[in-house]
Amino acid sequence: MRRSLSRPVARTHSYTHQGDFDNGEDPPPSPSSSDSSVDEEEVNRRVKPFWPKYQAVFRSRGIRLDTVRDVKLFYKQQLKAGSSTLYHPFHSQTEFQQSDDALCPDAGLPDNLFRGIRISDSKRVVVKAVHAGSREYSIVYKLSQPPFRNDPMNHTIPVLDQFTVPEDDMAFIIMEEWSTNLVASLGPCCMTRFLLAMRQCIEHAAFLHKHRIAHLDISLMNLLTDYHGRYAYIDYELSRHFDNLSPSLIYNYRGTELPPESESSTGIDPYKVDVWALGVLILRACKLTGYWIPELMLVIKPMLEDEPSRRPSSWHALHAFDKVVTSLGYRLESNCNEPH
C-alpha cells in the first residue's frame, strides 16, 4: 500500500504511535478472520469521507482540520524561512480561491487522510478515516491502550484519539504527524541511529507476533520517525489479529512486499510474510541510506529464504540482529539529534 505521507513540498512531517488518550469508549469489536458473519471486504475497504461533515466533531474533540488559511500560513512561513523547494499545495485553482475557512486537503495524501492540529498545544496531527468495523480500527485501538501502549517493544505511531460515528459506519484515528525519514534524501544521521531504527522495526514485529497480530504490509513507506530516535509503524489496513481458536493462515495475499509463497493457492503463514518483508525493508534501507555492514547478511539472508519454514521467527531474527550488533561493538542509544 504505497503512499506519500507528506505534502508535495518540503514539508516532511507525517504520523504517530502510542497515544495518551482514554476516551472512555468500550473497545471496538474485533472482526475475527474466522467470523463468517463479517463481510471482510466491506468493512475493510478504504473509505472516502466527506470531511466537512465531521469538522464540528473534530473541534469538539480538540482537533482542527487544516483550512486554506492554515496552508497559506504554512507556505508563507516557509517562504520567509527561505525554502526553495515549495510546490503548490492545492488540488486546483478553484480551491485556492475558496474561503480561508474552507478545509484544504493535502494533494499528496489519499482521500482517507487529512492533516490538522491539536488545538490545545498546536501539535501537528494526521487523521485517518476507516470503517467502524474494520480490522485496522480494532487493532490500532488495542495497540494504543494500556498495557500494550506502555510496552517498550511496541513501536506503533502514537495515537492521540480514536472515535466512531456509528450512524455512518465511520471511525477516525488521530495520530501524531511524524516523518517518512528513511525515504527522504537524508537518512538517519549516523550508523548507530540507523541500526537503532532497524532494531525497532524487528522488535515491533516480534511484539505483534507475540500477541498473534501480523502486520502484513511492512515496508519503508509504512515506517516513520519523530527525528529523536523513535521509529514507528503505520497502516494496519491489511493486518490480522488471530485468536487462539482459528489457524494463523491467510489467503490471496497482496501487500507491498510479496514473498514467493504469495502465489500459493493454499493458506500461508502470516508471520513468515512479515519476516520476509522485514528482510526486504532492511536491504532497501541499507541501499537508500548508504549504511551497510556486511555482517548484517547473517541476519537478512535467512529472513529471505524462499521456503517460509526455513525463515526464522521475528524473535529469532531480533536475537540474531542483537548478536551481530554486539559483536561489532555498537551501542544502540538515541544520543544524537536528527536534522529536522
Protein backbone atom coordinates (compact mmCIF):
# COMPACT_ATOMS: atom_id res chain seq x y z
CA MET A 1 0.00 0.00 0.00
CA ARG A 2 2.47 2.65 -1.12
CA ARG A 3 1.56 6.26 -0.47
CA SER A 4 3.03 9.70 0.05
CA LEU A 5 2.72 10.87 3.63
CA SER A 6 3.95 14.42 3.20
CA ARG A 7 2.72 17.43 1.30
CA PRO A 8 4.18 17.69 -2.19
CA VAL A 9 6.54 20.27 -0.73
CA ALA A 10 9.44 20.47 1.67
CA ARG A 11 7.01 19.56 4.43
CA THR A 12 8.35 16.20 5.54
CA HIS A 13 6.40 15.59 8.72
CA SER A 14 3.89 12.74 8.82
CA TYR A 15 2.21 10.48 11.55
CA THR A 16 2.50 8.85 15.16
CA HIS A 17 2.25 5.93 17.82
CA GLN A 18 1.07 5.11 21.31
CA GLY A 19 -1.43 7.68 22.41
CA ASP A 20 -2.11 9.33 25.74
CA PHE A 21 -5.88 9.17 25.32
CA ASP A 22 -8.62 7.40 27.16
CA ASN A 23 -11.93 8.27 25.58
CA GLY A 24 -13.99 6.09 27.85
CA GLU A 25 -15.45 4.11 24.97
CA ASP A 26 -15.80 0.36 25.05
CA PRO A 27 -13.20 -1.44 22.94
CA PRO A 28 -14.45 -1.78 19.36
CA PRO A 29 -15.43 -5.17 18.04
CA SER A 30 -12.53 -7.05 16.55
CA PRO A 31 -13.58 -8.87 13.38
CA SER A 32 -12.07 -12.33 13.53
CA SER A 33 -10.53 -13.83 10.44
CA SER A 34 -12.72 -16.86 11.11
CA ASP A 35 -16.01 -14.99 11.69
CA SER A 36 -18.17 -15.77 8.66
CA SER A 37 -20.81 -13.22 9.72
CA VAL A 38 -18.44 -10.35 8.97
CA ASP A 39 -18.24 -9.06 5.40
CA GLU A 40 -14.46 -8.73 5.32
CA GLU A 41 -14.31 -6.90 2.03
CA GLU A 42 -16.97 -4.40 3.05
CA VAL A 43 -15.68 -3.40 6.48
CA ASN A 44 -12.03 -3.30 5.45
CA ARG A 45 -12.44 -1.27 2.28
CA ARG A 46 -10.79 2.15 2.09
CA VAL A 47 -13.36 4.83 2.93
CA LYS A 48 -13.70 8.31 1.43
CA PRO A 49 -15.38 10.58 3.96
CA PHE A 50 -16.87 14.00 3.24
CA TRP A 51 -14.54 15.73 5.67
CA PRO A 52 -16.53 18.99 6.16
CA LYS A 53 -19.38 16.94 7.62
CA TYR A 54 -17.18 15.97 10.58
CA GLN A 55 -15.41 19.29 11.11
CA ALA A 56 -17.50 20.20 14.17
CA VAL A 57 -17.00 16.73 15.68
CA PHE A 58 -13.23 17.13 15.45
CA ARG A 59 -13.37 20.59 17.01
CA SER A 60 -15.39 19.18 19.92
CA ARG A 61 -12.54 16.71 20.49
CA GLY A 62 -9.89 19.43 20.32
CA ILE A 63 -8.75 18.93 16.71
CA ARG A 64 -8.84 21.49 13.90
CA LEU A 65 -8.56 20.15 10.38
CA ASP A 66 -6.32 22.16 8.04
CA THR A 67 -8.03 25.07 6.30
CA VAL A 68 -6.96 27.18 3.36
CA ARG A 69 -5.79 29.78 5.90
CA ASP A 70 -3.58 27.23 7.68
CA VAL A 71 -1.92 26.11 4.46
CA LYS A 72 -1.37 29.67 3.23
CA LEU A 73 0.26 30.48 6.56
CA PHE A 74 2.47 27.40 6.34
CA TYR A 75 3.75 28.36 2.91
CA LYS A 76 4.20 31.98 3.94
CA GLN A 77 6.39 30.82 6.82
CA GLN A 78 8.35 28.53 4.51
CA LEU A 79 8.98 31.36 2.05
CA LYS A 80 10.04 33.63 4.88
CA ALA A 81 12.49 30.95 6.02
CA GLY A 82 13.97 30.88 2.52
CA SER A 83 12.75 27.45 1.42
CA SER A 84 13.40 26.84 -2.27
CA THR A 85 11.51 23.54 -2.63
CA LEU A 86 7.88 24.65 -2.39
CA TYR A 87 5.11 23.30 -4.58
CA HIS A 88 1.50 24.36 -4.91
CA PRO A 89 -0.50 22.62 -2.14
CA PHE A 90 -3.94 22.92 -3.67
CA HIS A 91 -5.68 20.44 -5.95
CA SER A 92 -6.84 23.22 -8.26
CA GLN A 93 -7.05 26.97 -8.71
CA THR A 94 -10.67 26.70 -7.61
CA GLU A 95 -9.58 25.51 -4.16
CA PHE A 96 -7.07 28.35 -3.98
CA GLN A 97 -9.92 30.81 -4.47
CA GLN A 98 -12.07 29.30 -1.71
CA SER A 99 -12.72 30.97 1.60
CA ASP A 100 -9.84 30.90 4.06
CA ASP A 101 -12.06 28.88 6.41
CA ALA A 102 -12.67 26.11 3.86
CA LEU A 103 -10.98 22.78 4.52
CA CYS A 104 -7.83 22.24 2.48
CA PRO A 105 -6.96 18.59 1.74
CA ASP A 106 -3.34 17.71 1.05
CA ALA A 107 -2.87 16.75 -2.59
CA GLY A 108 -0.10 14.36 -1.52
CA LEU A 109 -2.40 12.24 0.66
CA PRO A 110 -5.16 9.77 -0.24
CA ASP A 111 -8.78 10.73 0.43
CA ASN A 112 -8.94 8.84 3.72
CA LEU A 113 -6.25 11.01 5.36
CA PHE A 114 -6.38 14.64 6.48
CA ARG A 115 -3.91 16.90 8.26
CA GLY A 116 -4.70 19.09 11.24
CA ILE A 117 -3.56 20.34 14.63
CA ARG A 118 -4.45 19.66 18.25
CA ILE A 119 -5.89 22.98 19.41
CA SER A 120 -4.55 22.81 22.99
CA ASP A 121 -0.87 22.77 22.01
CA SER A 122 -0.73 23.16 18.19
CA LYS A 123 0.68 19.65 17.82
CA ARG A 124 0.54 18.55 14.20
CA VAL A 125 -1.69 15.51 13.58
CA VAL A 126 -2.86 13.29 10.75
CA VAL A 127 -6.39 11.87 10.85
CA LYS A 128 -7.19 8.56 9.18
CA ALA A 129 -10.76 7.56 8.33
CA VAL A 130 -11.63 3.86 8.41
CA HIS A 131 -14.75 1.72 8.56
CA ALA A 132 -16.01 1.46 12.15
CA GLY A 133 -15.88 -2.34 11.97
CA SER A 134 -12.50 -2.61 10.28
CA ARG A 135 -9.61 -4.73 11.49
CA GLU A 136 -7.42 -1.64 11.39
CA TYR A 137 -9.57 0.29 13.85
CA SER A 138 -9.75 -2.56 16.37
CA ILE A 139 -6.04 -3.44 16.09
CA VAL A 140 -4.88 0.17 16.43
CA TYR A 141 -7.24 0.58 19.40
CA LYS A 142 -5.72 -2.46 21.08
CA LEU A 143 -2.14 -1.32 20.44
CA SER A 144 -2.88 2.20 21.72
CA GLN A 145 -4.45 1.23 25.05
CA PRO A 146 -2.73 0.02 28.24
CA PRO A 147 -0.98 -2.28 28.73
CA PHE A 148 0.09 -2.52 25.08
CA ARG A 149 0.83 1.17 24.61
CA ASN A 150 3.20 1.14 27.59
CA ASP A 151 5.26 -1.78 26.34
CA PRO A 152 8.70 -0.54 25.16
CA MET A 153 8.61 -3.12 22.35
CA ASN A 154 5.51 -1.50 20.87
CA HIS A 155 6.59 0.86 18.09
CA THR A 156 3.23 1.87 16.67
CA ILE A 157 2.75 5.52 15.72
CA PRO A 158 1.35 7.44 18.77
CA VAL A 159 -2.42 7.71 18.63
CA LEU A 160 -3.97 10.73 20.35
CA ASP A 161 -7.63 9.79 19.95
CA GLN A 162 -9.98 7.31 18.27
CA PHE A 163 -13.72 7.51 17.90
CA THR A 164 -16.57 6.13 15.84
CA VAL A 165 -19.54 7.72 14.10
CA PRO A 166 -21.94 4.74 14.25
CA GLU A 167 -24.66 6.23 12.04
CA ASP A 168 -22.16 6.45 9.17
CA ASP A 169 -20.24 3.24 9.97
CA MET A 170 -17.23 5.55 10.08
CA ALA A 171 -14.31 5.78 12.51
CA PHE A 172 -11.35 8.11 12.85
CA ILE A 173 -7.83 7.57 14.14
CA ILE A 174 -5.95 10.74 15.16
CA MET A 175 -2.19 10.30 15.07
CA GLU A 176 0.83 12.49 15.70
CA GLU A 177 2.43 13.71 12.50
CA TRP A 178 5.83 12.07 12.01
CA SER A 179 8.13 11.87 9.00
CA THR A 180 8.98 9.24 6.38
CA ASN A 181 12.63 9.84 7.23
CA LEU A 182 14.15 6.71 5.75
CA VAL A 183 12.90 7.52 2.26
CA ALA A 184 13.92 11.16 2.40
CA SER A 185 17.19 12.40 0.89
CA LEU A 186 18.71 12.40 4.35
CA GLY A 187 18.74 9.09 6.16
CA PRO A 188 19.43 8.59 9.88
CA CYS A 189 22.31 10.82 10.91
CA CYS A 190 24.75 8.03 11.80
CA MET A 191 25.26 4.26 11.65
CA THR A 192 24.22 3.86 15.28
CA ARG A 193 20.91 5.62 14.64
CA PHE A 194 20.38 3.55 11.51
CA LEU A 195 20.90 0.29 13.41
CA LEU A 196 18.59 1.54 16.15
CA ALA A 197 15.90 2.16 13.53
CA MET A 198 16.28 -1.33 12.08
CA ARG A 199 16.16 -2.89 15.53
CA GLN A 200 12.91 -1.11 16.33
CA CYS A 201 11.44 -2.46 13.08
CA ILE A 202 12.27 -6.04 14.00
CA GLU A 203 11.31 -5.59 17.65
CA HIS A 204 7.86 -4.27 16.80
CA ALA A 205 7.18 -7.24 14.54
CA ALA A 206 8.26 -9.55 17.36
CA PHE A 207 5.91 -7.68 19.71
CA LEU A 208 2.98 -8.02 17.29
CA HIS A 209 3.64 -11.70 16.68
CA LYS A 210 3.82 -12.37 20.42
CA HIS A 211 0.24 -11.13 20.60
CA ARG A 212 -0.86 -13.05 17.47
CA ILE A 213 -1.02 -9.94 15.27
CA ALA A 214 0.52 -9.92 11.79
CA HIS A 215 1.11 -6.51 10.23
CA LEU A 216 1.16 -7.82 6.63
CA ASP A 217 2.31 -4.58 5.00
CA ILE A 218 5.76 -3.93 6.44
CA SER A 219 7.65 -1.58 4.13
CA LEU A 220 9.73 1.59 4.20
CA MET A 221 6.65 3.62 3.25
CA ASN A 222 4.95 2.45 6.45
CA LEU A 223 7.87 3.37 8.72
CA LEU A 224 8.03 6.85 10.26
CA THR A 225 10.28 8.73 12.69
CA ASP A 226 9.95 11.60 15.16
CA TYR A 227 13.57 12.68 14.42
CA HIS A 228 14.52 11.92 18.02
CA GLY A 229 15.44 8.25 17.72
CA ARG A 230 11.94 6.81 17.70
CA TYR A 231 10.64 4.87 14.70
CA ALA A 232 7.09 3.63 14.31
CA TYR A 233 4.84 1.56 12.10
CA ILE A 234 1.65 2.81 10.48
CA ASP A 235 -1.00 1.36 8.18
CA TYR A 236 -2.77 -1.67 9.61
CA GLU A 237 -5.23 -1.95 6.70
CA LEU A 238 -4.11 -5.49 5.88
CA SER A 239 -3.27 -6.57 9.43
CA ARG A 240 -4.85 -9.59 11.12
CA HIS A 241 -5.35 -10.48 14.77
CA PHE A 242 -5.72 -14.24 15.17
CA ASP A 243 -7.49 -15.75 18.13
CA ASN A 244 -6.36 -18.96 19.77
CA LEU A 245 -9.09 -20.99 18.10
CA SER A 246 -8.52 -20.15 14.45
CA PRO A 247 -5.50 -21.22 12.38
CA SER A 248 -2.98 -18.46 11.68
CA LEU A 249 -3.24 -18.60 7.90
CA ILE A 250 -4.00 -16.04 5.20
CA TYR A 251 -5.13 -16.44 1.59
CA ASN A 252 -4.70 -14.43 -1.60
CA TYR A 253 -2.11 -12.18 -0.02
CA ARG A 254 -1.41 -8.87 -1.78
CA GLY A 255 0.85 -6.46 0.09
CA THR A 256 3.75 -4.18 -0.80
CA GLU A 257 6.49 -6.81 -0.50
CA LEU A 258 5.36 -10.15 -1.95
CA PRO A 259 7.16 -13.30 -0.75
CA PRO A 260 7.42 -16.34 -3.06
CA GLU A 261 4.56 -18.16 -1.33
CA SER A 262 2.09 -15.35 -2.10
CA GLU A 263 1.27 -17.14 -5.37
CA SER A 264 0.16 -20.23 -3.47
CA SER A 265 -3.49 -21.23 -3.63
CA THR A 266 -3.32 -22.60 -0.09
CA GLY A 267 -3.11 -20.77 3.21
CA ILE A 268 0.26 -19.20 4.09
CA ASP A 269 1.90 -18.25 7.39
CA PRO A 270 1.30 -14.51 8.00
CA TYR A 271 4.18 -14.20 10.46
CA LYS A 272 6.67 -15.52 7.90
CA VAL A 273 5.27 -12.99 5.41
CA ASP A 274 6.23 -10.26 7.90
CA VAL A 275 9.70 -11.76 8.34
CA TRP A 276 10.25 -11.73 4.56
CA ALA A 277 9.09 -8.11 4.36
CA LEU A 278 11.43 -7.15 7.22
CA GLY A 279 14.37 -8.64 5.36
CA VAL A 280 13.45 -6.66 2.25
CA LEU A 281 12.96 -3.50 4.32
CA ILE A 282 16.46 -3.76 5.82
CA LEU A 283 18.04 -4.31 2.40
CA ARG A 284 16.16 -1.36 0.89
CA ALA A 285 17.05 0.85 3.86
CA CYS A 286 20.75 -0.01 3.51
CA LYS A 287 20.67 0.85 -0.18
CA LEU A 288 18.77 4.12 0.23
CA THR A 289 20.78 5.46 3.15
CA GLY A 290 24.22 4.14 2.17
CA TYR A 291 24.67 2.48 5.58
CA TRP A 292 25.86 -1.09 5.24
CA ILE A 293 27.53 -3.68 7.45
CA PRO A 294 28.37 -6.95 5.62
CA GLU A 295 27.67 -8.93 8.78
CA LEU A 296 24.01 -7.92 8.52
CA MET A 297 23.65 -10.57 5.82
CA LEU A 298 23.88 -13.13 8.63
CA VAL A 299 20.54 -11.72 9.76
CA ILE A 300 18.94 -10.86 6.43
CA LYS A 301 19.72 -13.93 4.32
CA PRO A 302 17.73 -16.43 6.46
CA MET A 303 14.80 -13.98 6.50
CA LEU A 304 14.64 -14.14 2.71
CA GLU A 305 14.58 -17.92 2.36
CA ASP A 306 12.15 -18.97 -0.38
CA GLU A 307 10.72 -21.69 1.85
CA PRO A 308 8.79 -20.00 4.72
CA SER A 309 9.52 -22.82 7.17
CA ARG A 310 13.24 -22.11 6.83
CA ARG A 311 12.87 -18.45 7.78
CA PRO A 312 13.48 -17.53 11.41
CA SER A 313 10.70 -16.20 13.59
CA SER A 314 10.76 -12.46 14.23
CA TRP A 315 12.06 -13.23 17.73
CA HIS A 316 14.97 -15.26 16.38
CA ALA A 317 15.69 -12.50 13.84
CA LEU A 318 15.79 -9.97 16.69
CA HIS A 319 18.23 -12.11 18.68
CA ALA A 320 20.42 -12.62 15.59
CA PHE A 321 20.42 -8.86 14.94
CA ASP A 322 21.42 -8.10 18.54
CA LYS A 323 24.19 -10.69 18.36
CA VAL A 324 25.68 -9.08 15.24
CA VAL A 325 25.43 -5.56 16.66
CA THR A 326 27.05 -6.61 19.95
CA SER A 327 29.86 -8.46 18.17
CA LEU A 328 30.70 -5.28 16.25
CA GLY A 329 30.79 -3.13 19.38
CA TYR A 330 27.81 -0.88 18.62
CA ARG A 331 25.71 0.54 21.46
CA LEU A 332 22.27 1.45 20.19
CA GLU A 333 21.48 4.61 22.12
CA SER A 334 19.50 7.64 20.97
CA ASN A 335 22.27 10.12 21.72
CA CYS A 336 22.31 12.27 18.59
CA ASN A 337 19.84 14.68 17.03
CA GLU A 338 18.44 14.17 13.56
CA PRO A 339 18.13 17.17 11.24
CA HIS A 340 14.55 18.48 11.05
